[in-house]
Protein backbone atom coordinates (compact mmCIF):
# COMPACT_ATOMS: atom_id res chain seq x y z
CA UNK A 1 0.00 0.00 0.00
CA UNK A 2 2.90 2.33 0.73
CA UNK A 3 4.24 1.95 -2.82
CA UNK A 4 0.85 2.78 -4.32
CA UNK A 5 0.59 5.89 -2.19
CA UNK A 6 4.06 6.95 -3.31
CA UNK A 7 3.13 6.61 -7.00
CA UNK A 8 -0.11 8.55 -6.51
CA UNK A 9 1.78 11.24 -4.60
CA UNK A 10 4.23 11.62 -7.51
CA UNK A 11 1.37 11.88 -10.01
CA UNK A 12 -0.31 14.54 -7.85
CA UNK A 13 2.94 16.46 -7.41
CA UNK A 14 3.56 16.46 -11.17
CA UNK A 15 0.07 17.77 -11.85
CA UNK A 16 0.57 20.57 -9.31
CA UNK A 17 3.88 21.63 -10.89
CA UNK A 18 3.19 24.59 -13.21
CA UNK A 19 5.73 23.46 -15.80
CA UNK A 20 5.04 19.72 -15.76
CA UNK A 21 1.28 20.16 -15.76
CA UNK A 22 1.51 21.69 -19.24
CA UNK A 23 3.47 18.72 -20.60
CA UNK A 24 1.25 16.04 -22.15
CA UNK A 25 3.35 13.17 -20.76
CA UNK A 26 2.51 14.21 -17.19
CA UNK A 27 -1.21 14.54 -17.93
CA UNK A 28 -1.73 10.94 -19.03
CA UNK A 29 -0.99 7.48 -17.70
CA UNK A 30 -0.74 4.37 -19.81
CA UNK A 31 -2.62 1.71 -17.85
CA UNK A 32 -0.52 -1.00 -19.58
CA UNK A 33 2.77 0.54 -18.35
CA UNK A 34 4.76 -2.01 -16.31
CA UNK A 35 5.07 0.22 -13.22
CA UNK A 36 1.38 1.10 -13.32
CA UNK A 37 0.51 -2.59 -13.69
CA UNK A 38 2.70 -3.56 -10.73
CA UNK A 39 1.86 -0.73 -8.38
CA UNK A 40 -1.59 0.69 -9.11
CA UNK A 41 -3.64 -2.02 -10.78
CA UNK A 42 -3.53 -4.28 -7.69
CA UNK A 43 -5.29 -1.60 -5.63
CA UNK A 44 -7.93 -0.89 -8.24
CA UNK A 45 -10.70 0.45 -8.04
CA UNK A 46 -9.39 2.80 -5.33
CA UNK A 47 -6.40 4.04 -7.35
CA UNK A 48 -8.58 4.53 -10.41
CA UNK A 49 -11.15 6.48 -8.37
CA UNK A 50 -8.38 8.70 -6.99
CA UNK A 51 -6.99 9.36 -10.48
CA UNK A 52 -10.46 10.18 -11.77
CA UNK A 53 -10.93 12.60 -8.86
CA UNK A 54 -7.75 14.33 -10.06
CA UNK A 55 -9.34 14.75 -13.47
CA UNK A 56 -8.04 11.73 -15.36
CA UNK A 57 -10.57 10.12 -17.67
CA UNK A 58 -10.55 6.89 -19.64
CA UNK A 59 -9.39 7.36 -23.20
CA UNK A 60 -10.56 4.78 -25.69
CA UNK A 61 -8.58 6.35 -28.52
CA UNK A 62 -5.88 3.70 -28.40
CA UNK A 63 -5.28 0.10 -27.41
CA UNK A 64 -3.04 0.99 -24.49
CA UNK A 65 -5.74 2.07 -22.04
CA UNK A 66 -4.60 5.62 -21.48
CA UNK A 67 -5.93 7.66 -18.58
PDB file of N, CA and C in Angstrom:
ATOM      1  N   UNK A   1       0.824  -1.198   0.000  1.00  0.00           N
ATOM      2  CA  UNK A   1       0.000   0.000   0.000  1.00  0.00           C
ATOM      3  C   UNK A   1       0.864   1.256   0.000  1.00  0.00           C
ATOM      4  N   UNK A   2       2.009   1.187   0.655  1.00  0.00           N
ATOM      5  CA  UNK A   2       2.901   2.331   0.728  1.00  0.00           C
ATOM      6  C   UNK A   2       3.423   2.705  -0.661  1.00  0.00           C
ATOM      7  N   UNK A   3       3.734   1.712  -1.470  1.00  0.00           N
ATOM      8  CA  UNK A   3       4.235   1.952  -2.822  1.00  0.00           C
ATOM      9  C   UNK A   3       3.170   2.628  -3.671  1.00  0.00           C
ATOM     10  N   UNK A   4       1.932   2.184  -3.556  1.00  0.00           N
ATOM     11  CA  UNK A   4       0.847   2.776  -4.322  1.00  0.00           C
ATOM     12  C   UNK A   4       0.654   4.246  -3.946  1.00  0.00           C
ATOM     13  N   UNK A   5       0.723   4.512  -2.660  1.00  0.00           N
ATOM     14  CA  UNK A   5       0.591   5.891  -2.191  1.00  0.00           C
ATOM     15  C   UNK A   5       1.707   6.769  -2.746  1.00  0.00           C
ATOM     16  N   UNK A   6       2.911   6.210  -2.792  1.00  0.00           N
ATOM     17  CA  UNK A   6       4.062   6.948  -3.312  1.00  0.00           C
ATOM     18  C   UNK A   6       3.856   7.308  -4.783  1.00  0.00           C
ATOM     19  N   UNK A   7       3.377   6.363  -5.580  1.00  0.00           N
ATOM     20  CA  UNK A   7       3.131   6.614  -7.003  1.00  0.00           C
ATOM     21  C   UNK A   7       2.048   7.677  -7.168  1.00  0.00           C
ATOM     22  N   UNK A   8       0.975   7.564  -6.419  1.00  0.00           N
ATOM     23  CA  UNK A   8      -0.111   8.546  -6.510  1.00  0.00           C
ATOM     24  C   UNK A   8       0.354   9.934  -6.051  1.00  0.00           C
ATOM     25  N   UNK A   9       1.229   9.968  -5.074  1.00  0.00           N
ATOM     26  CA  UNK A   9       1.778  11.243  -4.603  1.00  0.00           C
ATOM     27  C   UNK A   9       2.622  11.896  -5.698  1.00  0.00           C
ATOM     28  N   UNK A  10       3.417  11.100  -6.410  1.00  0.00           N
ATOM     29  CA  UNK A  10       4.234  11.621  -7.509  1.00  0.00           C
ATOM     30  C   UNK A  10       3.350  12.168  -8.621  1.00  0.00           C
ATOM     31  N   UNK A  11       2.300  11.431  -8.966  1.00  0.00           N
ATOM     32  CA  UNK A  11       1.370  11.882 -10.009  1.00  0.00           C
ATOM     33  C   UNK A  11       0.743  13.216  -9.597  1.00  0.00           C
ATOM     34  N   UNK A  12       0.302  13.312  -8.352  1.00  0.00           N
ATOM     35  CA  UNK A  12      -0.311  14.542  -7.846  1.00  0.00           C
ATOM     36  C   UNK A  12       0.677  15.702  -7.870  1.00  0.00           C
ATOM     37  N   UNK A  13       1.892  15.424  -7.431  1.00  0.00           N
ATOM     38  CA  UNK A  13       2.941  16.455  -7.407  1.00  0.00           C
ATOM     39  C   UNK A  13       3.232  16.957  -8.821  1.00  0.00           C
ATOM     40  N   UNK A  14       3.303  16.060  -9.785  1.00  0.00           N
ATOM     41  CA  UNK A  14       3.564  16.457 -11.168  1.00  0.00           C
ATOM     42  C   UNK A  14       2.438  17.311 -11.731  1.00  0.00           C
ATOM     43  N   UNK A  15       1.210  16.980 -11.377  1.00  0.00           N
ATOM     44  CA  UNK A  15       0.070  17.768 -11.850  1.00  0.00           C
ATOM     45  C   UNK A  15       0.037  19.157 -11.222  1.00  0.00           C
ATOM     46  N   UNK A  16       0.551  19.279 -10.005  1.00  0.00           N
ATOM     47  CA  UNK A  16       0.567  20.566  -9.314  1.00  0.00           C
ATOM     48  C   UNK A  16       1.713  21.459  -9.784  1.00  0.00           C
ATOM     49  N   UNK A  17       2.724  20.866 -10.396  1.00  0.00           N
ATOM     50  CA  UNK A  17       3.875  21.625 -10.889  1.00  0.00           C
ATOM     51  C   UNK A  17       3.444  22.442 -12.113  1.00  0.00           C
ATOM     52  N   UNK A  18       3.658  23.764 -12.095  1.00  0.00           N
ATOM     53  CA  UNK A  18       3.186  24.591 -13.207  1.00  0.00           C
ATOM     54  C   UNK A  18       3.834  24.259 -14.552  1.00  0.00           C
ATOM     55  N   UNK A  19       5.054  23.798 -14.548  1.00  0.00           N
ATOM     56  CA  UNK A  19       5.729  23.456 -15.803  1.00  0.00           C
ATOM     57  C   UNK A  19       5.308  22.068 -16.277  1.00  0.00           C
ATOM     58  N   UNK A  20       5.373  21.088 -15.382  1.00  0.00           N
ATOM     59  CA  UNK A  20       5.038  19.716 -15.756  1.00  0.00           C
ATOM     60  C   UNK A  20       3.571  19.554 -16.122  1.00  0.00           C
ATOM     61  N   UNK A  21       2.712  20.320 -15.489  1.00  0.00           N
ATOM     62  CA  UNK A  21       1.280  20.164 -15.756  1.00  0.00           C
ATOM     63  C   UNK A  21       0.904  20.565 -17.186  1.00  0.00           C
ATOM     64  N   UNK A  22       1.766  21.306 -17.852  1.00  0.00           N
ATOM     65  CA  UNK A  22       1.512  21.693 -19.238  1.00  0.00           C
ATOM     66  C   UNK A  22       2.039  20.658 -20.234  1.00  0.00           C
ATOM     67  N   UNK A  23       2.873  19.753 -19.749  1.00  0.00           N
ATOM     68  CA  UNK A  23       3.467  18.723 -20.604  1.00  0.00           C
ATOM     69  C   UNK A  23       2.520  17.528 -20.692  1.00  0.00           C
ATOM     70  N   UNK A  24       2.202  17.137 -21.901  1.00  0.00           N
ATOM     71  CA  UNK A  24       1.247  16.039 -22.148  1.00  0.00           C
ATOM     72  C   UNK A  24       1.638  14.743 -21.433  1.00  0.00           C
ATOM     73  N   UNK A  25       2.936  14.446 -21.354  1.00  0.00           N
ATOM     74  CA  UNK A  25       3.354  13.173 -20.764  1.00  0.00           C
ATOM     75  C   UNK A  25       3.031  13.081 -19.267  1.00  0.00           C
ATOM     76  N   UNK A  26       2.878  14.216 -18.606  1.00  0.00           N
ATOM     77  CA  UNK A  26       2.514  14.206 -17.190  1.00  0.00           C
ATOM     78  C   UNK A  26       1.011  14.246 -16.978  1.00  0.00           C
ATOM     79  N   UNK A  27       0.245  14.456 -18.045  1.00  0.00           N
ATOM     80  CA  UNK A  27      -1.212  14.537 -17.932  1.00  0.00           C
ATOM     81  C   UNK A  27      -1.905  13.261 -18.379  1.00  0.00           C
ATOM     82  N   UNK A  28      -1.128  12.220 -18.654  1.00  0.00           N
ATOM     83  CA  UNK A  28      -1.734  10.941 -19.031  1.00  0.00           C
ATOM     84  C   UNK A  28      -0.931   9.788 -18.441  1.00  0.00           C
ATOM     85  N   UNK A  29      -1.613   8.706 -18.200  1.00  0.00           N
ATOM     86  CA  UNK A  29      -0.986   7.480 -17.704  1.00  0.00           C
ATOM     87  C   UNK A  29      -1.391   6.341 -18.624  1.00  0.00           C
ATOM     88  N   UNK A  30      -0.436   5.545 -18.996  1.00  0.00           N
ATOM     89  CA  UNK A  30      -0.739   4.373 -19.811  1.00  0.00           C
ATOM     90  C   UNK A  30      -0.976   3.201 -18.862  1.00  0.00           C
ATOM     91  N   UNK A  31      -2.208   2.755 -18.788  1.00  0.00           N
ATOM     92  CA  UNK A  31      -2.618   1.713 -17.851  1.00  0.00           C
ATOM     93  C   UNK A  31      -1.831   0.420 -18.073  1.00  0.00           C
ATOM     94  N   UNK A  32      -1.296   0.207 -19.282  1.00  0.00           N
ATOM     95  CA  UNK A  32      -0.523  -0.999 -19.585  1.00  0.00           C
ATOM     96  C   UNK A  32       0.958  -0.857 -19.231  1.00  0.00           C
ATOM     97  N   UNK A  33       1.385   0.310 -18.766  1.00  0.00           N
ATOM     98  CA  UNK A  33       2.765   0.538 -18.351  1.00  0.00           C
ATOM     99  C   UNK A  33       3.129  -0.446 -17.235  1.00  0.00           C
ATOM    100  N   UNK A  34       4.338  -0.996 -17.292  1.00  0.00           N
ATOM    101  CA  UNK A  34       4.758  -2.007 -16.310  1.00  0.00           C
ATOM    102  C   UNK A  34       4.657  -1.520 -14.868  1.00  0.00           C
ATOM    103  N   UNK A  35       5.129  -0.304 -14.597  1.00  0.00           N
ATOM    104  CA  UNK A  35       5.072   0.219 -13.225  1.00  0.00           C
ATOM    105  C   UNK A  35       3.629   0.428 -12.767  1.00  0.00           C
ATOM    106  N   UNK A  36       2.788   0.911 -13.657  1.00  0.00           N
ATOM    107  CA  UNK A  36       1.376   1.100 -13.319  1.00  0.00           C
ATOM    108  C   UNK A  36       0.735  -0.255 -13.042  1.00  0.00           C
ATOM    109  N   UNK A  37       1.045  -1.237 -13.872  1.00  0.00           N
ATOM    110  CA  UNK A  37       0.506  -2.587 -13.692  1.00  0.00           C
ATOM    111  C   UNK A  37       0.936  -3.181 -12.353  1.00  0.00           C
ATOM    112  N   UNK A  38       2.175  -2.979 -11.976  1.00  0.00           N
ATOM    113  CA  UNK A  38       2.701  -3.557 -10.733  1.00  0.00           C
ATOM    114  C   UNK A  38       2.209  -2.826  -9.491  1.00  0.00           C
ATOM    115  N   UNK A  39       2.082  -1.513  -9.584  1.00  0.00           N
ATOM    116  CA  UNK A  39       1.863  -0.731  -8.380  1.00  0.00           C
ATOM    117  C   UNK A  39       0.443  -0.199  -8.189  1.00  0.00           C
ATOM    118  N   UNK A  40      -0.256   0.103  -9.269  1.00  0.00           N
ATOM    119  CA  UNK A  40      -1.591   0.690  -9.108  1.00  0.00           C
ATOM    120  C   UNK A  40      -2.734  -0.261  -9.417  1.00  0.00           C
ATOM    121  N   UNK A  41      -2.551  -1.115 -10.405  1.00  0.00           N
ATOM    122  CA  UNK A  41      -3.641  -2.022 -10.781  1.00  0.00           C
ATOM    123  C   UNK A  41      -4.055  -2.932  -9.617  1.00  0.00           C
ATOM    124  N   UNK A  42      -3.108  -3.428  -8.809  1.00  0.00           N
ATOM    125  CA  UNK A  42      -3.532  -4.283  -7.694  1.00  0.00           C
ATOM    126  C   UNK A  42      -4.459  -3.590  -6.688  1.00  0.00           C
ATOM    127  N   UNK A  43      -4.408  -2.283  -6.589  1.00  0.00           N
ATOM    128  CA  UNK A  43      -5.286  -1.601  -5.630  1.00  0.00           C
ATOM    129  C   UNK A  43      -6.445  -0.899  -6.333  1.00  0.00           C
ATOM    130  N   UNK A  44      -6.761  -1.380  -7.509  1.00  0.00           N
ATOM    131  CA  UNK A  44      -7.930  -0.888  -8.236  1.00  0.00           C
ATOM    132  C   UNK A  44      -9.163  -1.407  -7.510  1.00  0.00           C
ATOM    133  N   UNK A  45     -10.241  -0.766  -7.365  1.00  0.00           N
ATOM    134  CA  UNK A  45     -10.696   0.451  -8.039  1.00  0.00           C
ATOM    135  C   UNK A  45     -10.330   1.733  -7.295  1.00  0.00           C
ATOM    136  N   UNK A  46      -9.685   1.610  -6.131  1.00  0.00           N
ATOM    137  CA  UNK A  46      -9.392   2.801  -5.332  1.00  0.00           C
ATOM    138  C   UNK A  46      -8.418   3.741  -6.035  1.00  0.00           C
ATOM    139  N   UNK A  47      -7.373   3.197  -6.638  1.00  0.00           N
ATOM    140  CA  UNK A  47      -6.404   4.037  -7.352  1.00  0.00           C
ATOM    141  C   UNK A  47      -7.064   4.712  -8.541  1.00  0.00           C
ATOM    142  N   UNK A  48      -7.884   3.979  -9.250  1.00  0.00           N
ATOM    143  CA  UNK A  48      -8.582   4.535 -10.413  1.00  0.00           C
ATOM    144  C   UNK A  48      -9.539   5.649  -9.978  1.00  0.00           C
ATOM    145  N   UNK A  49     -10.230   5.450  -8.888  1.00  0.00           N
ATOM    146  CA  UNK A  49     -11.149   6.479  -8.371  1.00  0.00           C
ATOM    147  C   UNK A  49     -10.376   7.737  -7.979  1.00  0.00           C
ATOM    148  N   UNK A  50      -9.221   7.557  -7.374  1.00  0.00           N
ATOM    149  CA  UNK A  50      -8.381   8.698  -6.992  1.00  0.00           C
ATOM    150  C   UNK A  50      -7.925   9.462  -8.230  1.00  0.00           C
ATOM    151  N   UNK A  51      -7.453   8.729  -9.243  1.00  0.00           N
ATOM    152  CA  UNK A  51      -6.993   9.362 -10.478  1.00  0.00           C
ATOM    153  C   UNK A  51      -8.131  10.092 -11.177  1.00  0.00           C
ATOM    154  N   UNK A  52      -9.303   9.517 -11.157  1.00  0.00           N
ATOM    155  CA  UNK A  52     -10.462  10.176 -11.768  1.00  0.00           C
ATOM    156  C   UNK A  52     -10.834  11.436 -10.978  1.00  0.00           C
ATOM    157  N   UNK A  53     -10.668  11.412  -9.671  1.00  0.00           N
ATOM    158  CA  UNK A  53     -10.928  12.600  -8.862  1.00  0.00           C
ATOM    159  C   UNK A  53      -9.942  13.717  -9.188  1.00  0.00           C
ATOM    160  N   UNK A  54      -8.745  13.340  -9.642  1.00  0.00           N
ATOM    161  CA  UNK A  54      -7.750  14.330 -10.058  1.00  0.00           C
ATOM    162  C   UNK A  54      -8.040  14.889 -11.444  1.00  0.00           C
ATOM    163  N   UNK A  55      -8.977  14.261 -12.143  1.00  0.00           N
ATOM    164  CA  UNK A  55      -9.340  14.754 -13.469  1.00  0.00           C
ATOM    165  C   UNK A  55      -8.981  13.822 -14.611  1.00  0.00           C
ATOM    166  N   UNK A  56      -8.355  12.694 -14.307  1.00  0.00           N
ATOM    167  CA  UNK A  56      -8.045  11.728 -15.356  1.00  0.00           C
ATOM    168  C   UNK A  56      -9.340  11.069 -15.828  1.00  0.00           C
ATOM    169  N   UNK A  57      -9.420  10.813 -17.107  1.00  0.00           N
ATOM    170  CA  UNK A  57     -10.565  10.117 -17.671  1.00  0.00           C
ATOM    171  C   UNK A  57     -10.069   8.985 -18.550  1.00  0.00           C
ATOM    172  N   UNK A  58     -10.909   8.001 -18.760  1.00  0.00           N
ATOM    173  CA  UNK A  58     -10.545   6.895 -19.640  1.00  0.00           C
ATOM    174  C   UNK A  58     -10.537   7.380 -21.078  1.00  0.00           C
ATOM    175  N   UNK A  59      -9.490   7.010 -21.784  1.00  0.00           N
ATOM    176  CA  UNK A  59      -9.388   7.361 -23.198  1.00  0.00           C
ATOM    177  C   UNK A  59      -9.444   6.081 -24.002  1.00  0.00           C
ATOM    178  N   UNK A  60     -10.420   5.975 -24.844  1.00  0.00           N
ATOM    179  CA  UNK A  60     -10.563   4.780 -25.690  1.00  0.00           C
ATOM    180  C   UNK A  60     -10.012   5.015 -27.088  1.00  0.00           C
ATOM    181  N   UNK A  61      -9.140   6.014 -27.212  1.00  0.00           N
ATOM    182  CA  UNK A  61      -8.584   6.353 -28.518  1.00  0.00           C
ATOM    183  C   UNK A  61      -7.455   5.418 -28.943  1.00  0.00           C
ATOM    184  N   UNK A  62      -6.982   4.597 -28.057  1.00  0.00           N
ATOM    185  CA  UNK A  62      -5.877   3.703 -28.400  1.00  0.00           C
ATOM    186  C   UNK A  62      -6.069   2.367 -27.710  1.00  0.00           C
ATOM    187  N   UNK A  63      -5.189   1.437 -27.994  1.00  0.00           N
ATOM    188  CA  UNK A  63      -5.278   0.102 -27.410  1.00  0.00           C
ATOM    189  C   UNK A  63      -4.513  -0.013 -26.101  1.00  0.00           C
ATOM    190  N   UNK A  64      -3.881   1.064 -25.658  1.00  0.00           N
ATOM    191  CA  UNK A  64      -3.044   0.993 -24.485  1.00  0.00           C
ATOM    192  C   UNK A  64      -3.761   1.345 -23.198  1.00  0.00           C
ATOM    193  N   UNK A  65      -5.006   1.734 -23.254  1.00  0.00           N
ATOM    194  CA  UNK A  65      -5.737   2.069 -22.036  1.00  0.00           C
ATOM    195  C   UNK A  65      -5.188   3.293 -21.340  1.00  0.00           C
ATOM    196  N   UNK A  66      -5.158   4.388 -22.028  1.00  0.00           N
ATOM    197  CA  UNK A  66      -4.605   5.620 -21.480  1.00  0.00           C
ATOM    198  C   UNK A  66      -5.618   6.316 -20.580  1.00  0.00           C
ATOM    199  N   UNK A  67      -5.116   6.832 -19.477  1.00  0.00           N
ATOM    200  CA  UNK A  67      -5.931   7.656 -18.581  1.00  0.00           C
ATOM    201  C   UNK A  67      -5.494   9.086 -18.762  1.00  0.00           C
TER     202      UNK A  67
END
